[in-house]
Amino acid sequence: MVETAKQSRPFAFRACTTIAVVVGMVALAFAYTAGWLSARRLTPEKLIAALQSESGPPLGHRRNHSKGICFTGILEANGRGTALSTASVFAPGVYPVVGRFNIGGTDPNQPDPLAQVRGFGIRITTPDGQEWRSAMIDAPVFAAPTAQAFYEFLTAARNNDPNALKKYSAVHPEILAFVSWVKNHLRTESWTEDRFNSLDSFIFIDATETKHAVRWSFVPETPPVTLTPSELAKREPNFLMEDIAARVAAHPQHWELMITVASPGDPTADPTKSWPEDRQTINVGTLTVQDVQQEADGPCRDINYDPVVLPSGITTSDDPIPAARSAAYAFSYDSRTSEASHYPRVTRAKQ
């Protein structure tokens, strides 16, 4: 339903007055906005600075989604993806994966129950030396349609002017869908029960050079068990990390890789807009998480989950966000690697 500006303003104001309570969410989705950068308006430094808390950046850590844990596993492709793309990762076979479960926010010590968004990064490699990297979150839509809009949102959220957020939402009513999701969705008891979505659109190119606009999701095999806010508040600060380590140690965990194909007219450049649920969706393989390692000495620590690292057969779409995210991810990577002395050292027992 489309509302007039006059009709939507009271709701926009009520929604925005609650944003102060969840203002931490302004940084949580950096995995999806890390860039959207325009050389004339924004730089990676400027946008990342807007994401940081008053205490400054988490030295030695990723500039957002700073808290995470590594995993290794495999993607078993079933061959169905070859109908959409020539990428070798879709040929029937088993491909190694190095990934990272994480939560949104700039504090590497943030308690897990406070996380408004949960994230998931993967790097899949194939025998021909190609890679597919992706960073996803559990939200169904994103907060802003452009980098500039997201920057303005961050600025408004931190503004002492009580009308700043009201003014922002009047111009950008699309924020309300994301705010509603943040406020109202129930959190699960485990990363193993979360669905992770690309949100950004990409292009798959098949053997006839036909192009298909797609988005993808990793859908968990484990049925979700949701927590009430009071139940969530009682969980330990590291409950997600402890849970994933215990579950994977007991037995491997699985997600299905689902590719959703756009129909003509579906928006591909705006991640605040979802596609209708009746769009063609193809299960192209199964991700199996086989081992979990602490990030301090794990294989994901030094991986930049740059969304434009794509194999042949996959390319970016008219969505400008992945390229902009790539620029900001690079800045974050360079910053944290230059601050290695600030990263917690791994103490190993003497043999």
Protein backbone atom coordinates (compact mmCIF):
# COMPACT_ATOMS: atom_id res chain seq x y z
CA MET A 1 0.00 0.00 0.00
CA VAL A 2 1.27 3.44 -0.93
CA GLU A 3 0.69 6.18 1.61
CA THR A 4 0.65 9.89 0.98
CA ALA A 5 3.34 11.97 2.65
CA LYS A 6 0.70 13.46 4.97
CA GLN A 7 -0.53 10.03 6.04
CA SER A 8 2.93 8.61 6.64
CA ARG A 9 4.38 11.46 8.68
CA PRO A 10 2.83 10.60 12.08
CA PHE A 11 4.02 7.01 11.73
CA ALA A 12 7.40 8.19 10.53
CA PHE A 13 7.72 10.40 13.60
CA ARG A 14 6.77 7.59 15.98
CA ALA A 15 9.20 5.24 14.30
CA CYS A 16 12.00 7.75 14.42
CA THR A 17 11.51 8.51 18.09
CA THR A 18 12.24 4.87 18.77
CA ILE A 19 15.42 4.87 16.72
CA ALA A 20 17.26 6.53 19.57
CA VAL A 21 16.70 3.37 21.55
CA VAL A 22 18.24 1.23 18.83
CA VAL A 23 20.68 3.79 17.51
CA GLY A 24 23.32 1.10 17.54
CA MET A 25 21.69 -0.27 14.43
CA VAL A 26 23.05 2.60 12.38
CA ALA A 27 26.35 0.79 12.24
CA LEU A 28 25.11 -2.77 12.22
CA ALA A 29 24.54 -3.12 8.52
CA PHE A 30 27.87 -1.79 7.31
CA ALA A 31 28.36 -5.13 5.59
CA TYR A 32 25.76 -3.87 3.19
CA THR A 33 26.63 -0.26 2.90
CA ALA A 34 30.28 -0.14 3.54
CA GLY A 35 30.57 1.97 0.48
CA TRP A 36 27.93 3.21 -1.93
CA LEU A 37 30.50 5.89 -2.28
CA SER A 38 30.53 8.80 -4.69
CA ALA A 39 33.89 10.40 -5.23
CA ARG A 40 32.19 13.82 -5.22
CA ARG A 41 30.25 13.31 -2.02
CA LEU A 42 31.67 10.58 0.13
CA THR A 43 34.94 8.80 0.70
CA PRO A 44 35.44 5.46 2.44
CA GLU A 45 37.08 7.33 5.32
CA LYS A 46 34.12 9.66 5.78
CA LEU A 47 31.46 6.99 5.77
CA ILE A 48 33.42 4.68 8.04
CA ALA A 49 34.00 7.55 10.44
CA ALA A 50 30.24 8.06 10.60
CA LEU A 51 29.83 4.43 11.62
CA GLN A 52 32.25 4.61 14.54
CA SER A 53 31.33 5.19 18.17
CA GLU A 54 32.55 8.17 20.15
CA SER A 55 35.44 6.06 21.44
CA GLY A 56 36.79 5.73 17.91
CA PRO A 57 37.47 2.75 15.64
CA PRO A 58 38.23 -0.72 17.04
CA LEU A 59 41.95 -0.77 16.34
CA GLY A 60 43.14 -3.94 14.67
CA HIS A 61 39.58 -5.04 13.94
CA ARG A 62 37.12 -4.75 11.08
CA ARG A 63 35.48 -1.35 11.12
CA ASN A 64 32.04 -2.89 11.49
CA HIS A 65 30.74 -6.35 12.23
CA SER A 66 33.85 -6.30 14.38
CA LYS A 67 32.91 -9.33 16.46
CA GLY A 68 32.96 -12.65 14.68
CA ILE A 69 34.15 -16.23 14.55
CA CYS A 70 35.69 -18.23 11.68
CA PHE A 71 34.46 -21.41 10.10
CA THR A 72 35.60 -23.79 7.40
CA GLY A 73 33.52 -26.14 5.34
CA ILE A 74 32.40 -27.04 1.85
CA LEU A 75 29.85 -26.07 -0.77
CA GLU A 76 28.46 -29.12 -2.55
CA ALA A 77 27.06 -27.87 -5.86
CA ASN A 78 24.28 -29.96 -7.38
CA GLY A 79 24.68 -28.66 -10.93
CA ARG A 80 21.37 -26.80 -11.15
CA GLY A 81 23.14 -23.45 -11.06
CA THR A 82 24.69 -24.13 -14.46
CA ALA A 83 21.33 -23.22 -16.04
CA LEU A 84 21.94 -19.65 -14.89
CA SER A 85 25.70 -19.22 -14.87
CA THR A 86 28.88 -20.64 -16.34
CA ALA A 87 30.71 -20.03 -13.04
CA SER A 88 32.68 -23.16 -12.22
CA VAL A 89 31.39 -23.05 -8.63
CA PHE A 90 28.02 -24.29 -9.94
CA ALA A 91 29.40 -27.35 -11.72
CA PRO A 92 28.61 -30.51 -9.75
CA GLY A 93 31.33 -30.91 -7.17
CA VAL A 94 32.61 -29.99 -3.73
CA TYR A 95 34.37 -26.68 -3.12
CA PRO A 96 36.18 -25.44 0.01
CA VAL A 97 34.73 -22.54 1.97
CA VAL A 98 36.25 -20.20 4.55
CA GLY A 99 33.65 -18.06 6.27
CA ARG A 100 32.80 -15.89 9.21
CA PHE A 101 29.75 -15.60 11.44
CA ASN A 102 29.45 -12.12 12.92
CA ILE A 103 27.20 -9.52 14.49
CA GLY A 104 26.68 -5.91 13.46
CA GLY A 105 28.43 -3.20 15.42
CA THR A 106 31.84 -1.65 15.92
CA ASP A 107 32.64 -3.15 19.33
CA PRO A 108 34.53 -6.47 19.13
CA ASN A 109 33.40 -7.16 22.70
CA GLN A 110 29.72 -6.36 22.19
CA PRO A 111 27.39 -8.78 24.00
CA ASP A 112 25.68 -11.06 21.51
CA PRO A 113 22.16 -10.39 22.88
CA LEU A 114 22.49 -6.73 21.90
CA ALA A 115 23.10 -7.47 18.23
CA GLN A 116 20.36 -6.03 16.04
CA VAL A 117 21.71 -7.70 12.89
CA ARG A 118 23.67 -10.89 12.33
CA GLY A 119 26.09 -11.34 9.47
CA PHE A 120 27.71 -14.08 7.41
CA GLY A 121 30.72 -13.92 5.09
CA ILE A 122 31.97 -16.61 2.72
CA ARG A 123 34.85 -17.24 0.36
CA ILE A 124 34.37 -20.19 -1.99
CA THR A 125 37.31 -21.35 -4.10
CA THR A 126 37.38 -23.59 -7.14
CA PRO A 127 40.16 -25.77 -8.64
CA ASP A 128 40.69 -23.30 -11.49
CA GLY A 129 41.82 -20.65 -9.00
CA GLN A 130 38.67 -18.55 -9.00
CA GLU A 131 36.89 -17.20 -5.92
CA TRP A 132 33.41 -16.13 -4.96
CA ARG A 133 33.22 -13.84 -1.96
CA SER A 134 30.06 -12.55 -0.37
CA ALA A 135 28.97 -10.75 2.80
CA MET A 136 25.34 -11.15 3.85
CA ILE A 137 23.03 -10.25 6.72
CA ASP A 138 19.81 -11.66 8.13
CA ALA A 139 17.68 -8.62 7.27
CA PRO A 140 15.19 -8.97 4.38
CA VAL A 141 15.80 -5.40 3.16
CA PHE A 142 18.36 -2.70 3.74
CA ALA A 143 18.02 0.68 5.41
CA ALA A 144 18.82 3.10 2.58
CA PRO A 145 18.80 3.17 -1.22
CA THR A 146 22.07 5.05 -1.71
CA ALA A 147 25.32 5.71 0.08
CA GLN A 148 24.44 9.35 0.48
CA ALA A 149 21.11 8.47 2.06
CA PHE A 150 22.74 6.06 4.47
CA TYR A 151 25.33 8.65 5.44
CA GLU A 152 22.56 11.16 6.06
CA PHE A 153 20.79 8.59 8.22
CA LEU A 154 23.91 8.01 10.28
CA THR A 155 24.35 11.74 10.68
CA ALA A 156 20.73 12.27 11.68
CA ALA A 157 20.84 9.44 14.19
CA ARG A 158 23.79 11.02 15.95
CA ASN A 159 22.42 14.57 15.74
CA ASN A 160 21.40 16.30 18.97
CA ASP A 161 18.48 17.88 17.14
CA PRO A 162 15.40 15.85 18.18
CA ASN A 163 13.83 16.56 14.78
CA ALA A 164 16.76 15.26 12.74
CA LEU A 165 15.42 11.74 12.36
CA LYS A 166 11.90 13.00 11.72
CA LYS A 167 13.21 15.13 8.88
CA TYR A 168 15.25 12.25 7.48
CA SER A 169 12.32 9.79 7.45
CA ALA A 170 10.07 12.37 5.77
CA VAL A 171 12.48 12.44 2.85
CA HIS A 172 13.39 8.74 3.03
CA PRO A 173 10.29 6.77 4.10
CA GLU A 174 11.99 3.56 2.95
CA ILE A 175 13.86 3.58 6.28
CA LEU A 176 10.64 2.63 8.05
CA ALA A 177 10.59 -0.94 6.71
CA PHE A 178 14.08 -1.57 8.02
CA VAL A 179 13.33 0.09 11.36
CA SER A 180 10.22 -2.02 11.71
CA TRP A 181 12.21 -5.19 11.08
CA VAL A 182 14.89 -4.21 13.60
CA LYS A 183 12.28 -3.44 16.25
CA ASN A 184 9.92 -6.35 15.71
CA HIS A 185 11.67 -9.46 14.42
CA LEU A 186 12.38 -12.15 16.98
CA ARG A 187 15.98 -13.31 17.24
CA THR A 188 16.80 -16.99 16.97
CA GLU A 189 18.79 -18.93 19.52
CA SER A 190 21.59 -19.70 17.05
CA TRP A 191 23.38 -18.61 13.89
CA THR A 192 22.55 -22.11 12.62
CA GLU A 193 18.88 -21.07 12.47
CA ASP A 194 19.38 -17.78 10.60
CA ARG A 195 18.78 -17.09 6.93
CA PHE A 196 21.38 -14.81 5.37
CA ASN A 197 20.55 -12.66 2.33
CA SER A 198 22.66 -10.93 -0.29
CA LEU A 199 20.19 -8.00 -0.60
CA ASP A 200 22.31 -6.61 -3.44
CA SER A 201 21.57 -7.82 -6.95
CA PHE A 202 24.09 -9.46 -9.26
CA ILE A 203 24.14 -10.80 -12.81
CA PHE A 204 24.57 -14.48 -13.67
CA ILE A 205 25.64 -15.18 -17.27
CA ASP A 206 24.77 -18.57 -18.75
CA ALA A 207 26.36 -20.55 -21.59
CA THR A 208 24.33 -18.69 -24.22
CA GLU A 209 25.53 -15.38 -22.73
CA THR A 210 22.02 -14.66 -21.48
CA LYS A 211 22.07 -12.50 -18.38
CA HIS A 212 19.95 -13.18 -15.31
CA ALA A 213 19.53 -10.67 -12.48
CA VAL A 214 19.64 -12.55 -9.19
CA ARG A 215 19.88 -12.31 -5.44
CA TRP A 216 20.82 -15.19 -3.17
CA SER A 217 20.22 -16.51 0.30
CA PHE A 218 21.68 -19.20 2.53
CA VAL A 219 18.67 -20.91 4.10
CA PRO A 220 19.32 -22.97 7.25
CA GLU A 221 18.47 -26.64 7.50
CA THR A 222 17.85 -26.23 11.24
CA PRO A 223 14.34 -24.96 12.04
CA PRO A 224 14.37 -21.62 13.86
CA VAL A 225 13.70 -21.40 17.58
CA THR A 226 13.00 -17.78 18.42
CA LEU A 227 13.63 -16.03 21.71
CA THR A 228 11.40 -13.51 23.38
CA PRO A 229 13.13 -10.24 24.33
CA SER A 230 13.23 -11.35 27.97
CA GLU A 231 14.73 -14.71 27.03
CA LEU A 232 17.30 -13.05 24.81
CA ALA A 233 18.32 -10.65 27.59
CA LYS A 234 19.18 -13.61 29.83
CA ARG A 235 21.63 -15.12 27.36
CA GLU A 236 25.37 -14.95 28.00
CA PRO A 237 27.47 -12.23 26.29
CA ASN A 238 29.04 -14.77 23.90
CA PHE A 239 26.11 -17.16 23.55
CA LEU A 240 26.10 -17.13 19.75
CA MET A 241 29.80 -17.90 19.53
CA GLU A 242 29.63 -20.62 22.16
CA ASP A 243 26.55 -22.14 20.54
CA ILE A 244 27.99 -22.34 17.03
CA ALA A 245 31.21 -23.91 18.31
CA ALA A 246 29.29 -26.52 20.29
CA ARG A 247 26.85 -27.38 17.52
CA VAL A 248 29.49 -27.77 14.84
CA ALA A 249 31.68 -29.82 17.18
CA ALA A 250 28.73 -32.18 17.68
CA HIS A 251 27.95 -32.48 13.95
CA PRO A 252 28.23 -30.41 10.77
CA GLN A 253 25.64 -27.69 10.14
CA HIS A 254 23.94 -27.07 6.79
CA TRP A 255 22.43 -24.26 4.71
CA GLU A 256 20.90 -24.45 1.23
CA LEU A 257 22.14 -21.91 -1.32
CA MET A 258 19.01 -20.50 -2.93
CA ILE A 259 19.21 -18.29 -6.03
CA THR A 260 16.24 -16.00 -6.69
CA VAL A 261 15.81 -14.81 -10.28
CA ALA A 262 14.32 -11.39 -11.01
CA SER A 263 11.43 -10.90 -13.39
CA PRO A 264 11.32 -7.95 -15.78
CA GLY A 265 10.65 -4.77 -13.87
CA ASP A 266 11.95 -6.01 -10.52
CA PRO A 267 14.20 -3.41 -8.87
CA THR A 268 17.84 -4.47 -9.07
CA ALA A 269 19.60 -1.27 -7.98
CA ASP A 270 17.78 -0.69 -4.70
CA PRO A 271 18.24 -3.13 -1.79
CA THR A 272 15.51 -1.44 0.25
CA LYS A 273 13.01 -3.05 -2.11
CA SER A 274 12.26 -6.75 -1.87
CA TRP A 275 11.12 -8.90 -4.78
CA PRO A 276 7.76 -10.69 -4.83
CA GLU A 277 7.80 -14.09 -3.13
CA ASP A 278 6.63 -15.88 -6.28
CA ARG A 279 9.92 -15.29 -8.13
CA GLN A 280 11.76 -18.34 -9.46
CA THR A 281 14.07 -19.74 -6.80
CA ILE A 282 16.61 -22.48 -7.47
CA ASN A 283 18.45 -24.58 -4.91
CA VAL A 284 21.98 -24.81 -6.35
CA GLY A 285 23.82 -26.52 -3.53
CA THR A 286 24.43 -27.18 0.14
CA LEU A 287 26.86 -25.36 2.41
CA THR A 288 28.24 -27.53 5.20
CA VAL A 289 30.05 -25.89 8.10
CA GLN A 290 32.51 -28.48 9.40
CA ASP A 291 34.76 -26.64 11.82
CA VAL A 292 34.74 -23.41 13.86
CA GLN A 293 37.82 -21.48 14.96
CA GLN A 294 38.31 -18.34 17.02
CA GLU A 295 39.07 -15.41 14.76
CA ALA A 296 42.29 -14.42 16.54
CA ASP A 297 44.11 -17.33 14.94
CA GLY A 298 41.47 -18.52 12.50
CA PRO A 299 41.58 -18.65 8.69
CA CYS A 300 39.02 -15.87 8.22
CA ARG A 301 40.93 -13.23 10.16
CA ASP A 302 42.78 -11.81 7.18
CA ILE A 303 40.12 -12.32 4.53
CA ASN A 304 38.42 -9.27 3.09
CA TYR A 305 34.92 -10.41 2.15
CA ASP A 306 34.85 -8.07 -0.81
CA PRO A 307 31.56 -8.56 -2.71
CA VAL A 308 33.05 -7.78 -6.11
CA VAL A 309 35.48 -10.71 -5.96
CA LEU A 310 33.45 -12.85 -8.34
CA PRO A 311 34.21 -15.80 -10.62
CA SER A 312 33.70 -15.74 -14.37
CA GLY A 313 29.98 -16.12 -15.03
CA ILE A 314 28.96 -13.73 -12.24
CA THR A 315 29.23 -9.96 -12.41
CA THR A 316 27.79 -6.90 -10.75
CA SER A 317 24.44 -5.47 -11.84
CA ASP A 318 23.22 -1.89 -12.06
CA ASP A 319 23.28 -1.92 -8.27
CA PRO A 320 26.17 0.48 -7.45
CA ILE A 321 26.53 -0.67 -3.87
CA PRO A 322 28.85 -3.69 -4.24
CA ALA A 323 31.54 -1.63 -5.98
CA ALA A 324 31.27 1.05 -3.32
CA ARG A 325 31.38 -1.52 -0.55
CA SER A 326 34.52 -2.87 -2.14
CA ALA A 327 36.23 0.52 -1.78
CA ALA A 328 35.26 0.83 1.86
CA TYR A 329 36.16 -2.78 2.66
CA ALA A 330 39.61 -2.12 1.22
CA PHE A 331 40.00 0.92 3.46
CA SER A 332 38.89 -1.09 6.48
CA TYR A 333 41.27 -3.92 5.59
CA ASP A 334 44.24 -1.61 5.15
CA SER A 335 43.46 0.14 8.42
CA ARG A 336 43.13 -2.97 10.54
CA THR A 337 46.13 -4.73 9.10
CA SER A 338 48.28 -1.67 9.76
CA GLU A 339 47.11 -1.83 13.38
CA ALA A 340 48.04 -5.47 13.92
CA SER A 341 49.83 -4.64 17.16
CA HIS A 342 46.46 -3.71 18.68
CA TYR A 343 44.84 -7.03 17.80
CA PRO A 344 44.66 -9.57 20.65
CA ARG A 345 47.64 -11.86 20.58
CA VAL A 346 47.10 -15.60 20.57
CA THR A 347 48.73 -17.32 23.50
CA ARG A 348 49.50 -20.94 22.80
CA ALA A 349 50.38 -23.54 25.36
CA LYS A 350 53.96 -24.82 25.18
CA GLN A 351 54.29 -28.26 23.76
